[in-house]
Amino acid sequence: MTQYSDIFTDDKLQDIFPDNRTNDFFEALFGEAEEGSYDIALGYSGEYDNALNFEMRLIQRPGKCLACNLTYGLPRVFSRHPIINVQGIADAVGEAVGSKVVSWKLGATREHGDKLHVIPLMIELG
């Protein structure tokens, strides 16, 4: 049986969702990448049944405020934003494990303190 944690190393997660995508996202939204209040990183959080669980980690930038009113609406925004490209993330995950992606879903934003908010990403494999 495959250990998915062996596949989804920090390097692999970085390949799937590179750091520069955060700046591209804020540049598209605000015209300047520096206007963003957080960095976005993809994390792997385990498997459950036929789903692989990931997190879109919103990490507060120095000198910025990671306010919940800024992050609670993000699952809806991320689900359709072409730069975030959740479908592309899901496809890359499926390719990494050699399986077909049946569906994906973003959960509600969760606060993990003042400096980290997390949006769960569940990817169902077939």
Protein backbone atom coordinates (compact mmCIF):
# COMPACT_ATOMS: atom_id res chain seq x y z
CA MET A 1 0.00 0.00 0.00
CA THR A 2 1.28 3.44 -0.90
CA GLN A 3 2.19 5.81 1.89
CA TYR A 4 0.81 9.07 0.54
CA SER A 5 2.91 11.05 3.01
CA ASP A 6 5.97 9.65 1.22
CA ILE A 7 4.63 11.01 -2.07
CA PHE A 8 3.44 14.41 -0.86
CA THR A 9 6.71 15.73 0.48
CA ASP A 10 7.33 19.46 0.88
CA ASP A 11 9.10 19.45 -2.50
CA LYS A 12 6.20 17.72 -4.24
CA LEU A 13 3.66 20.08 -2.65
CA GLN A 14 5.82 22.98 -3.79
CA ASP A 15 5.78 21.58 -7.35
CA ILE A 16 1.99 21.29 -7.26
CA PHE A 17 1.43 24.75 -5.75
CA PRO A 18 4.54 26.92 -6.13
CA ASP A 19 5.19 29.97 -3.91
CA ASN A 20 4.91 32.43 -6.79
CA ARG A 21 1.23 31.59 -7.20
CA THR A 22 0.43 33.68 -4.10
CA ASN A 23 2.00 36.78 -5.61
CA ASP A 24 0.29 36.13 -8.95
CA PHE A 25 -3.05 35.84 -7.11
CA PHE A 26 -2.64 39.15 -5.28
CA GLU A 27 -1.32 40.88 -8.34
CA ALA A 28 -4.49 39.84 -10.20
CA LEU A 29 -6.69 41.00 -7.30
CA PHE A 30 -5.00 44.22 -6.26
CA GLY A 31 -2.54 45.08 -9.01
CA GLU A 32 0.41 44.58 -6.63
CA ALA A 33 1.57 41.39 -4.94
CA GLU A 34 2.68 43.31 -1.82
CA GLU A 35 -0.95 44.18 -1.02
CA GLY A 36 -1.68 40.60 0.08
CA SER A 37 -1.87 39.89 3.80
CA TYR A 38 -0.90 36.21 3.63
CA ASP A 39 1.08 33.62 1.72
CA ILE A 40 -0.65 30.48 0.45
CA ALA A 41 0.97 27.08 0.88
CA LEU A 42 -0.36 23.62 0.11
CA GLY A 43 -0.07 21.03 2.87
CA TYR A 44 -0.94 17.34 3.02
CA SER A 45 -3.03 16.26 6.02
CA GLY A 46 -3.79 12.57 5.45
CA GLU A 47 -6.23 10.19 3.81
CA TYR A 48 -9.74 9.12 4.67
CA ASP A 49 -11.61 6.43 2.70
CA ASN A 50 -11.00 7.27 -0.96
CA ALA A 51 -10.13 10.89 -0.31
CA LEU A 52 -6.80 12.62 0.15
CA ASN A 53 -6.93 15.60 2.46
CA PHE A 54 -4.90 18.72 1.87
CA GLU A 55 -4.87 22.22 3.29
CA MET A 56 -4.58 25.58 1.64
CA ARG A 57 -2.57 27.24 4.41
CA LEU A 58 -2.94 31.00 4.68
CA ILE A 59 0.14 32.24 6.53
CA GLN A 60 0.17 35.84 7.74
CA ARG A 61 2.80 38.02 6.10
CA PRO A 62 5.03 40.12 8.39
CA GLY A 63 3.42 43.43 9.25
CA LYS A 64 0.04 42.37 7.85
CA CYS A 65 -3.18 41.28 9.52
CA LEU A 66 -4.74 37.90 8.81
CA ALA A 67 -8.31 38.90 9.66
CA CYS A 68 -11.02 36.26 9.51
CA ASN A 69 -13.26 38.60 7.54
CA LEU A 70 -10.64 38.38 4.76
CA THR A 71 -10.39 34.60 4.76
CA TYR A 72 -13.88 33.23 5.41
CA GLY A 73 -15.09 33.88 1.85
CA LEU A 74 -11.98 32.43 0.25
CA PRO A 75 -13.19 28.87 -0.34
CA ARG A 76 -15.72 30.21 -2.84
CA VAL A 77 -13.12 32.52 -4.42
CA PHE A 78 -10.41 29.84 -4.58
CA SER A 79 -12.80 27.29 -6.09
CA ARG A 80 -13.17 29.36 -9.26
CA HIS A 81 -10.03 31.48 -9.45
CA PRO A 82 -7.85 30.49 -12.44
CA ILE A 83 -4.57 31.35 -10.70
CA ILE A 84 -5.33 29.22 -7.64
CA ASN A 85 -6.61 26.52 -10.05
CA VAL A 86 -7.98 23.95 -7.59
CA GLN A 87 -8.87 21.62 -10.47
CA GLY A 88 -5.23 21.73 -11.57
CA ILE A 89 -4.12 20.94 -8.02
CA ALA A 90 -6.50 17.96 -7.92
CA ASP A 91 -5.30 16.74 -11.31
CA ALA A 92 -1.65 16.97 -10.18
CA VAL A 93 -2.50 14.99 -7.03
CA GLY A 94 -4.22 12.30 -9.09
CA GLU A 95 -1.26 12.11 -11.44
CA ALA A 96 1.18 11.83 -8.52
CA VAL A 97 -0.62 8.76 -7.17
CA GLY A 98 -1.63 7.29 -10.54
CA SER A 99 -5.35 7.58 -9.92
CA LYS A 100 -8.33 9.32 -11.45
CA VAL A 101 -9.80 12.29 -9.59
CA VAL A 102 -13.54 11.81 -9.06
CA SER A 103 -14.18 15.13 -7.32
CA TRP A 104 -12.71 17.80 -5.07
CA LYS A 105 -14.20 20.07 -2.44
CA LEU A 106 -12.97 23.02 -0.42
CA GLY A 107 -14.17 23.17 3.17
CA ALA A 108 -14.83 26.18 5.37
CA THR A 109 -11.93 28.32 6.55
CA ARG A 110 -10.58 27.30 9.96
CA GLU A 111 -8.55 29.54 12.23
CA HIS A 112 -5.41 28.04 13.72
CA GLY A 113 -4.41 31.17 15.60
CA ASP A 114 -3.82 34.75 14.52
CA LYS A 115 -1.12 33.88 12.00
CA LEU A 116 -2.52 30.79 10.29
CA HIS A 117 -5.88 30.04 8.71
CA VAL A 118 -6.54 26.81 6.82
CA ILE A 119 -8.95 25.90 4.02
CA PRO A 120 -9.40 22.10 3.81
CA LEU A 121 -9.20 20.54 0.35
CA MET A 122 -10.59 17.03 -0.04
CA ILE A 123 -9.75 15.18 -3.26
CA GLU A 124 -11.73 12.00 -3.94
CA LEU A 125 -9.96 9.40 -6.03
CA GLY A 126 -11.58 6.70 -8.15
